[in-house]
C-alpha atoms as a PDB file:
ATOM      1  CA  MET A   1      20.566-116.047  36.666  1.00  0.00           C
ATOM      2  CA  ASP A   2      21.140-118.948  39.078  1.00  0.00           C
ATOM      3  CA  LYS A   3      22.653-121.448  36.637  1.00  0.00           C
ATOM      4  CA  GLN A   4      26.454-121.096  36.462  1.00  0.00           C
ATOM      5  CA  GLY A   5      26.544-122.205  32.833  1.00  0.00           C
ATOM      6  CA  LEU A   6      24.328-119.319  31.765  1.00  0.00           C
ATOM      7  CA  LEU A   7      26.415-116.605  33.381  1.00  0.00           C
ATOM      8  CA  TYR A   8      28.220-114.132  31.173  1.00  0.00           C
ATOM      9  CA  ASN A   9      32.000-114.024  31.612  1.00  0.00           C
ATOM     10  CA  THR A  10      31.659-110.407  32.665  1.00  0.00           C
ATOM     11  CA  GLU A  11      29.621-111.648  35.641  1.00  0.00           C
ATOM     12  CA  ARG A  12      32.329-114.065  36.749  1.00  0.00           C
ATOM     13  CA  GLY A  13      35.600-113.495  38.535  1.00  0.00           C
ATOM     14  CA  GLN A  14      38.647-112.230  36.681  1.00  0.00           C
ATOM     15  CA  ILE A  15      40.950-114.809  35.071  1.00  0.00           C
ATOM     16  CA  ILE A  16      44.266-114.649  36.901  1.00  0.00           C
ATOM     17  CA  ILE A  17      46.472-116.254  34.203  1.00  0.00           C
ATOM     18  CA  SER A  18      44.672-116.119  30.877  1.00  0.00           C
ATOM     19  CA  GLU A  19      46.806-118.863  29.219  1.00  0.00           C
ATOM     20  CA  TYR A  20      45.039-121.539  31.289  1.00  0.00           C
ATOM     21  CA  GLY A  21      41.515-120.241  30.893  1.00  0.00           C
ATOM     22  CA  ARG A  22      38.551-120.074  33.213  1.00  0.00           C
ATOM     23  CA  ASN A  23      37.914-123.830  33.446  1.00  0.00           C
ATOM     24  CA  MET A  24      41.387-124.468  34.843  1.00  0.00           C
ATOM     25  CA  GLN A  25      40.829-121.727  37.367  1.00  0.00           C
ATOM     26  CA  GLU A  26      37.595-123.408  38.444  1.00  0.00           C
ATOM     27  CA  MET A  27      39.393-126.764  38.774  1.00  0.00           C
ATOM     28  CA  ILE A  28      41.968-125.208  41.090  1.00  0.00           C
ATOM     29  CA  ARG A  29      39.204-123.611  43.134  1.00  0.00           C
ATOM     30  CA  HIS A  30      37.570-127.022  43.621  1.00  0.00           C
ATOM     31  CA  LEU A  31      41.003-128.506  44.375  1.00  0.00           C
ATOM     32  CA  MET A  32      41.302-126.226  47.381  1.00  0.00           C
ATOM     33  CA  GLU A  33      38.010-127.598  48.721  1.00  0.00           C
ATOM     34  CA  ILE A  34      39.410-131.157  49.053  1.00  0.00           C
ATOM     35  CA  GLU A  35      39.868-131.740  52.774  1.00  0.00           C
ATOM     36  CA  ASP A  36      42.261-134.721  52.642  1.00  0.00           C
ATOM     37  CA  ARG A  37      45.786-133.355  52.150  1.00  0.00           C
ATOM     38  CA  GLN A  38      47.097-136.455  50.351  1.00  0.00           C
ATOM     39  CA  LYS A  39      44.198-136.473  47.873  1.00  0.00           C
ATOM     40  CA  ARG A  40      44.600-132.715  47.442  1.00  0.00           C
ATOM     41  CA  THR A  41      48.271-133.210  46.611  1.00  0.00           C
ATOM     42  CA  GLU A  42      47.472-135.995  44.108  1.00  0.00           C
ATOM     43  CA  ALA A  43      44.890-133.791  42.440  1.00  0.00           C
ATOM     44  CA  ALA A  44      47.400-130.914  42.315  1.00  0.00           C
ATOM     45  CA  ASN A  45      49.948-133.127  40.495  1.00  0.00           C
ATOM     46  CA  PHE A  46      47.267-134.134  37.985  1.00  0.00           C
ATOM     47  CA  ILE A  47      46.400-130.466  37.369  1.00  0.00           C
ATOM     48  CA  ILE A  48      50.098-129.701  36.844  1.00  0.00           C
ATOM     49  CA  SER A  49      50.209-132.301  34.040  1.00  0.00           C
ATOM     50  CA  VAL A  50      47.146-130.726  32.428  1.00  0.00           C
ATOM     51  CA  MET A  51      48.664-127.240  32.714  1.00  0.00           C
ATOM     52  CA  ALA A  52      51.801-128.496  30.936  1.00  0.00           C
ATOM     53  CA  GLN A  53      49.658-129.623  27.999  1.00  0.00           C
ATOM     54  CA  MET A  54      47.701-126.368  27.883  1.00  0.00           C
ATOM     55  CA  ASN A  55      50.795-124.147  27.995  1.00  0.00           C
ATOM     56  CA  PRO A  56      53.497-126.078  26.067  1.00  0.00           C
ATOM     57  CA  GLN A  57      55.727-123.021  25.548  1.00  0.00           C
ATOM     58  CA  VAL A  58      56.614-123.201  29.230  1.00  0.00           C
ATOM     59  CA  LYS A  59      58.583-126.370  28.444  1.00  0.00           C
ATOM     60  CA  GLN A  60      61.132-124.288  26.577  1.00  0.00           C
ATOM     61  CA  SER A  61      62.709-123.354  29.901  1.00  0.00           C
ATOM     62  CA  ASP A  62      64.735-125.790  32.000  1.00  0.00           C
ATOM     63  CA  ASP A  63      62.754-125.166  35.158  1.00  0.00           C
ATOM     64  CA  TYR A  64      59.314-125.356  33.547  1.00  0.00           C
ATOM     65  CA  ILE A  65      57.931-127.727  36.221  1.00  0.00           C
ATOM     66  CA  HIS A  66      58.860-125.198  38.882  1.00  0.00           C
ATOM     67  CA  LYS A  67      57.124-122.460  36.885  1.00  0.00           C
ATOM     68  CA  LEU A  68      53.970-124.566  36.570  1.00  0.00           C
ATOM     69  CA  TRP A  69      53.821-125.001  40.332  1.00  0.00           C
ATOM     70  CA  ASP A  70      54.309-121.261  40.744  1.00  0.00           C
ATOM     71  CA  HIS A  71      51.416-120.670  38.350  1.00  0.00           C
ATOM     72  CA  LEU A  72      49.293-123.107  40.323  1.00  0.00           C
ATOM     73  CA  TYR A  73      49.904-121.184  43.548  1.00  0.00           C
ATOM     74  CA  ILE A  74      49.299-117.863  41.843  1.00  0.00           C
ATOM     75  CA  ILE A  75      45.945-118.980  40.391  1.00  0.00           C
ATOM     76  CA  SER A  76      44.930-120.196  43.860  1.00  0.00           C
ATOM     77  CA  ASP A  77      45.714-116.717  45.175  1.00  0.00           C
ATOM     78  CA  TYR A  78      48.551-118.267  47.207  1.00  0.00           C
ATOM     79  CA  GLN A  79      45.997-120.141  49.339  1.00  0.00           C
ATOM     80  CA  LEU A  80      46.836-123.692  48.155  1.00  0.00           C
ATOM     81  CA  ASP A  81      48.191-126.041  50.843  1.00  0.00           C
ATOM     82  CA  VAL A  82      49.752-129.177  49.325  1.00  0.00           C
ATOM     83  CA  ASP A  83      53.017-131.138  49.434  1.00  0.00           C
ATOM     84  CA  SER A  84      54.789-129.387  46.584  1.00  0.00           C
ATOM     85  CA  PRO A  85      58.276-130.375  45.330  1.00  0.00           C
ATOM     86  CA  PHE A  86      59.113-126.679  45.363  1.00  0.00           C
ATOM     87  CA  PRO A  87      58.674-123.993  47.981  1.00  0.00           C
ATOM     88  CA  ALA A  88      55.557-121.918  47.589  1.00  0.00           C
ATOM     89  CA  PRO A  89      56.214-118.508  46.043  1.00  0.00           C
ATOM     90  CA  GLN A  90      55.688-115.427  48.120  1.00  0.00           C
ATOM     91  CA  PRO A  91      52.737-113.202  47.201  1.00  0.00           C
ATOM     92  CA  LEU A  92      53.673-110.207  45.154  1.00  0.00           C
ATOM     93  CA  SER A  93      53.767-107.052  47.178  1.00  0.00           C
ATOM     94  CA  GLU A  94      50.966-104.639  46.530  1.00  0.00           C
ATOM     95  CA  ALA A  95      51.723-102.503  43.560  1.00  0.00           C
ATOM     96  CA  THR A  96      52.622 -99.006  44.586  1.00  0.00           C
ATOM     97  CA  LYS A  97      52.548 -96.001  42.360  1.00  0.00           C
ATOM     98  CA  PRO A  98      56.119 -95.046  41.425  1.00  0.00           C
ATOM     99  CA  GLN A  99      57.369 -91.689  42.471  1.00  0.00           C
ATOM    100  CA  HIS A 100      57.168 -89.020  39.837  1.00  0.00           C
ATOM    101  CA  VAL A 101      60.577 -88.430  38.315  1.00  0.00           C
ATOM    102  CA  GLY A 102      59.729 -84.808  37.734  1.00  0.00           C
ATOM    103  CA  TYR A 103      60.263 -82.585  34.770  1.00  0.00           C
ATOM    104  CA  GLN A 104      63.310 -80.432  34.311  1.00  0.00           C
ATOM    105  CA  ASN A 105      62.472 -76.852  35.103  1.00  0.00           C
ATOM    106  CA  HIS A 106      65.355 -74.565  34.341  1.00  0.00           C
ATOM    107  CA  ASN A 107      63.202 -71.448  34.353  1.00  0.00           C
ATOM    108  CA  ILE A 108      64.616 -70.197  31.050  1.00  0.00           C
ATOM    109  CA  LYS A 109      63.085 -66.887  30.067  1.00  0.00           C
ATOM    110  CA  TYR A 110      64.003 -67.359  26.396  1.00  0.00           C
ATOM    111  CA  GLY A 111      63.028 -71.025  26.132  1.00  0.00           C
ATOM    112  CA  HIS A 112      62.973 -71.123  22.320  1.00  0.00           C
ATOM    113  CA  TYR A 113      66.770 -70.811  22.265  1.00  0.00           C
ATOM    114  CA  GLY A 114      67.173 -73.860  24.493  1.00  0.00           C
ATOM    115  CA  TYR A 115      68.793 -74.619  27.832  1.00  0.00           C
ATOM    116  CA  TYR A 116      72.241 -75.332  26.426  1.00  0.00           C
ATOM    117  CA  MET A 117      72.305 -72.057  24.539  1.00  0.00           C
ATOM    118  CA  ALA A 118      71.659 -70.269  27.821  1.00  0.00           C
ATOM    119  CA  LYS A 119      74.555 -72.195  29.396  1.00  0.00           C
ATOM    120  CA  MET A 120      76.849 -71.271  26.492  1.00  0.00           C
ATOM    121  CA  ILE A 121      75.980 -67.610  26.966  1.00  0.00           C
ATOM    122  CA  GLU A 122      76.658 -67.901  30.686  1.00  0.00           C
ATOM    123  CA  ILE A 123      80.094 -69.452  30.113  1.00  0.00           C
ATOM    124  CA  ALA A 124      81.037 -67.008  27.336  1.00  0.00           C
ATOM    125  CA  SER A 125      80.029 -64.084  29.530  1.00  0.00           C
ATOM    126  CA  GLU A 126      82.630 -65.109  32.094  1.00  0.00           C
ATOM    127  CA  ARG A 127      85.537 -64.782  29.657  1.00  0.00           C
ATOM    128  CA  GLU A 128      87.823 -61.922  30.591  1.00  0.00           C
ATOM    129  CA  ASP A 129      89.423 -61.530  27.141  1.00  0.00           C
ATOM    130  CA  GLU A 130      87.250 -58.931  25.401  1.00  0.00           C
ATOM    131  CA  GLU A 131      88.285 -59.999  21.904  1.00  0.00           C
ATOM    132  CA  MET A 132      87.500 -63.627  22.629  1.00  0.00           C
ATOM    133  CA  ARG A 133      84.207 -62.649  24.249  1.00  0.00           C
ATOM    134  CA  HIS A 134      83.246 -60.688  21.125  1.00  0.00           C
ATOM    135  CA  ALA A 135      84.097 -63.633  18.842  1.00  0.00           C
ATOM    136  CA  LEU A 136      82.039 -65.979  21.003  1.00  0.00           C
ATOM    137  CA  ALA A 137      79.175 -63.499  21.028  1.00  0.00           C
ATOM    138  CA  TYR A 138      79.086 -63.448  17.225  1.00  0.00           C
ATOM    139  CA  SER A 139      79.148 -67.257  16.956  1.00  0.00           C
ATOM    140  CA  ILE A 140      76.482 -67.631  19.616  1.00  0.00           C
ATOM    141  CA  ALA A 141      74.292 -65.019  17.934  1.00  0.00           C
ATOM    142  CA  ASN A 142      74.374 -66.979  14.665  1.00  0.00           C
ATOM    143  CA  GLN A 143      73.388 -70.165  16.474  1.00  0.00           C
ATOM    144  CA  MET A 144      70.617 -68.293  18.253  1.00  0.00           C
ATOM    145  CA  LYS A 145      69.338 -67.156  14.868  1.00  0.00           C
ATOM    146  CA  ARG A 146      69.298 -70.757  13.638  1.00  0.00           C
ATOM    147  CA  ASN A 147      67.487 -71.945  16.771  1.00  0.00           C
ATOM    148  CA  PHE A 148      64.919 -69.175  16.485  1.00  0.00           C
ATOM    149  CA  MET A 149      64.179 -69.966  12.826  1.00  0.00           C
ATOM    150  CA  GLU A 150      63.870 -73.702  13.499  1.00  0.00           C
ATOM    151  CA  TRP A 151      61.543 -72.995  16.428  1.00  0.00           C
ATOM    152  CA  SER A 152      59.301 -70.450  14.700  1.00  0.00           C
ATOM    153  CA  GLY A 153      59.624 -71.503  11.057  1.00  0.00           C
ATOM    154  CA  ASN A 154      60.014 -67.838  10.098  1.00  0.00           C
ATOM    155  CA  MET A 155      62.820 -65.385   9.457  1.00  0.00           C
ATOM    156  CA  VAL A 156      64.024 -63.185  12.291  1.00  0.00           C
ATOM    157  CA  ASN A 157      65.540 -59.720  12.376  1.00  0.00           C
ATOM    158  CA  ASP A 158      69.220 -59.604  13.332  1.00  0.00           C
ATOM    159  CA  GLN A 159      68.518 -56.780  15.773  1.00  0.00           C
ATOM    160  CA  GLN A 160      66.175 -58.992  17.770  1.00  0.00           C
ATOM    161  CA  ILE A 161      68.880 -61.637  18.120  1.00  0.00           C
ATOM    162  CA  ILE A 162      71.412 -59.007  19.201  1.00  0.00           C
ATOM    163  CA  ASP A 163      68.992 -57.601  21.765  1.00  0.00           C
ATOM    164  CA  ASP A 164      68.137 -61.046  23.119  1.00  0.00           C
ATOM    165  CA  LEU A 165      71.819 -61.951  23.413  1.00  0.00           C
ATOM    166  CA  LYS A 166      72.487 -58.769  25.381  1.00  0.00           C
ATOM    167  CA  ALA A 167      69.528 -59.426  27.685  1.00  0.00           C
ATOM    168  CA  MET A 168      70.411 -63.089  28.281  1.00  0.00           C
ATOM    169  CA  SER A 169      74.029 -62.209  29.128  1.00  0.00           C
ATOM    170  CA  ASN A 170      73.088 -59.275  31.353  1.00  0.00           C
ATOM    171  CA  GLY A 171      74.939 -56.953  28.991  1.00  0.00           C
ATOM    172  CA  ARG A 172      78.184 -58.964  29.019  1.00  0.00           C
ATOM    173  CA  LEU A 173      77.854 -60.145  25.402  1.00  0.00           C
ATOM    174  CA  GLU A 174      77.055 -57.114  23.299  1.00  0.00           C
ATOM    175  CA  LEU A 175      77.296 -56.734  19.524  1.00  0.00           C
ATOM    176  CA  PRO A 176      77.041 -53.426  17.647  1.00  0.00           C
ATOM    177  CA  ASP A 177      73.610 -52.670  16.211  1.00  0.00           C
ATOM    178  CA  GLU A 178      75.036 -52.675  12.680  1.00  0.00           C
ATOM    179  CA  THR A 179      76.322 -56.244  13.051  1.00  0.00           C
ATOM    180  CA  LYS A 180      75.243 -58.471  10.177  1.00  0.00           C
ATOM    181  CA  LEU A 181      74.656 -62.071  11.125  1.00  0.00           C
ATOM    182  CA  SER A 182      74.731 -64.981   8.681  1.00  0.00           C
ATOM    183  CA  GLY A 183      71.997 -64.796   6.067  1.00  0.00           C
ATOM    184  CA  THR A 184      68.976 -67.066   6.129  1.00  0.00           C
ATOM    185  CA  ASN A 185      70.120 -69.060   3.085  1.00  0.00           C
ATOM    186  CA  ASP A 186      73.586 -69.519   4.546  1.00  0.00           C
ATOM    187  CA  ILE A 187      72.167 -70.798   7.833  1.00  0.00           C
ATOM    188  CA  LEU A 188      69.676 -73.263   6.369  1.00  0.00           C
ATOM    189  CA  THR A 189      71.059 -74.432   3.014  1.00  0.00           C
ATOM    190  CA  LYS A 190      74.776 -73.764   2.674  1.00  0.00           C
ATOM    191  CA  PRO A 191      76.051 -76.958   4.345  1.00  0.00           C
ATOM    192  CA  VAL A 192      73.739 -79.110   2.216  1.00  0.00           C
ATOM    193  CA  LEU A 193      74.742 -77.410  -1.070  1.00  0.00           C
ATOM    194  CA  SER A 194      78.439 -77.629  -0.258  1.00  0.00           C
ATOM    195  CA  GLN A 195      78.131 -81.352   0.405  1.00  0.00           C
ATOM    196  CA  LYS A 196      76.339 -82.013  -2.880  1.00  0.00           C
ATOM    197  CA  GLN A 197      78.764 -79.892  -4.879  1.00  0.00           C
ATOM    198  CA  GLY A 198      81.695 -81.693  -3.317  1.00  0.00           C
ATOM    199  CA  LYS A 199      80.275 -85.085  -4.306  1.00  0.00           C
ATOM    200  CA  LYS A 200      79.654 -83.973  -7.913  1.00  0.00           C
ATOM    201  CA  LYS A 201      83.172 -82.531  -8.234  1.00  0.00           C
ATOM    202  CA  LYS A 202      84.761 -85.663  -6.811  1.00  0.00           C
ATOM    203  CA  LYS A 203      82.748 -87.870  -9.135  1.00  0.00           C
ATOM    204  CA  LYS A 204      83.707 -85.761 -12.173  1.00  0.00           C
ATOM    205  CA  GLN A 205      87.407 -85.949 -11.330  1.00  0.00           C
ATOM    206  CA  SER A 206      87.276 -89.707 -10.826  1.00  0.00           C
ATOM    207  CA  ASN A 207      85.563 -90.152 -14.220  1.00  0.00           C
ATOM    208  CA  LEU A 208      88.283 -88.094 -15.943  1.00  0.00           C
ATOM    209  CA  LYS A 209      91.032 -90.155 -14.381  1.00  0.00           C
ATOM    210  CA  ALA A 210      89.309 -93.374 -15.361  1.00  0.00           C
ATOM    211  CA  ASP A 211      89.025 -92.376 -19.051  1.00  0.00           C
ATOM    212  CA  MET A 212      92.588 -92.518 -20.421  1.00  0.00           C
ATOM    213  CA  ASN A 213      91.327 -91.680 -23.932  1.00  0.00           C
ATOM    214  CA  ASN A 214      89.793 -88.366 -22.850  1.00  0.00           C
ATOM    215  CA  PRO A 215      91.817 -85.426 -24.234  1.00  0.00           C
ATOM    216  CA  ASN A 216      90.987 -83.431 -21.117  1.00  0.00           C
ATOM    217  CA  ASN A 217      92.650 -86.008 -18.918  1.00  0.00           C
ATOM    218  CA  PRO A 218      96.138 -84.798 -17.837  1.00  0.00           C
ATOM    219  CA  ALA A 219      97.384 -88.359 -18.090  1.00  0.00           C
ATOM    220  CA  TYR A 220      96.268 -88.474 -21.735  1.00  0.00           C
ATOM    221  CA  LYS A 221      98.189 -85.274 -22.556  1.00  0.00           C
ATOM    222  CA  LYS A 222     101.286 -86.526 -20.768  1.00  0.00           C
ATOM    223  CA  ARG A 223     101.124 -89.790 -22.743  1.00  0.00           C
ATOM    224  CA  LYS A 224     100.881 -87.871 -26.061  1.00  0.00           C
ATOM    225  CA  LEU A 225     103.989 -85.856 -25.223  1.00  0.00           C
ATOM    226  CA  GLN A 226     105.953 -89.015 -24.583  1.00  0.00           C
END
């Protein structure tokens, strides 16, 4: 199609700042074709006033006039040459692809236990006190069991945990084969149950103390004796 009015927007150039629309962009393009610098500057000031009406939220900032002139230069692809009250902004540098930060690669053979568990095993393995090393081995084994169950969603045999601990510590942290680790229910539910029971017990005691007419209240018995 030869008629500009019948062109689809997809056939036209890209809108640089969408808030001002395509018609404003066309006005600025024609502005750049004015040969007389003084007339071009007068036309630029008129366009600035129109831009202020089209984008009123810019007025919320103290330097909104400066921003409008920056927008004018940006829409003109930094090609506009007029007597502006502000220095022309510098073109943005070409966008470069940022360097890849990179993923952490700790090369953990037993990744389901986690990186920090491997570090704990490494530190515990360096302890010279055999008794302390054994106590740490037992605590670490229980945490390994928890990590394994959370990762897999299934129960795990204690012997597998003991074998994995020995392998990860290069034989430095070794538990007897008959070692019994914490049970599944203790690992997953005991802290929650203890918390709930503690709240119920505390609430029951507070209710007893509040009821001075309750025969089970120690304060009630003491009052009867007096």
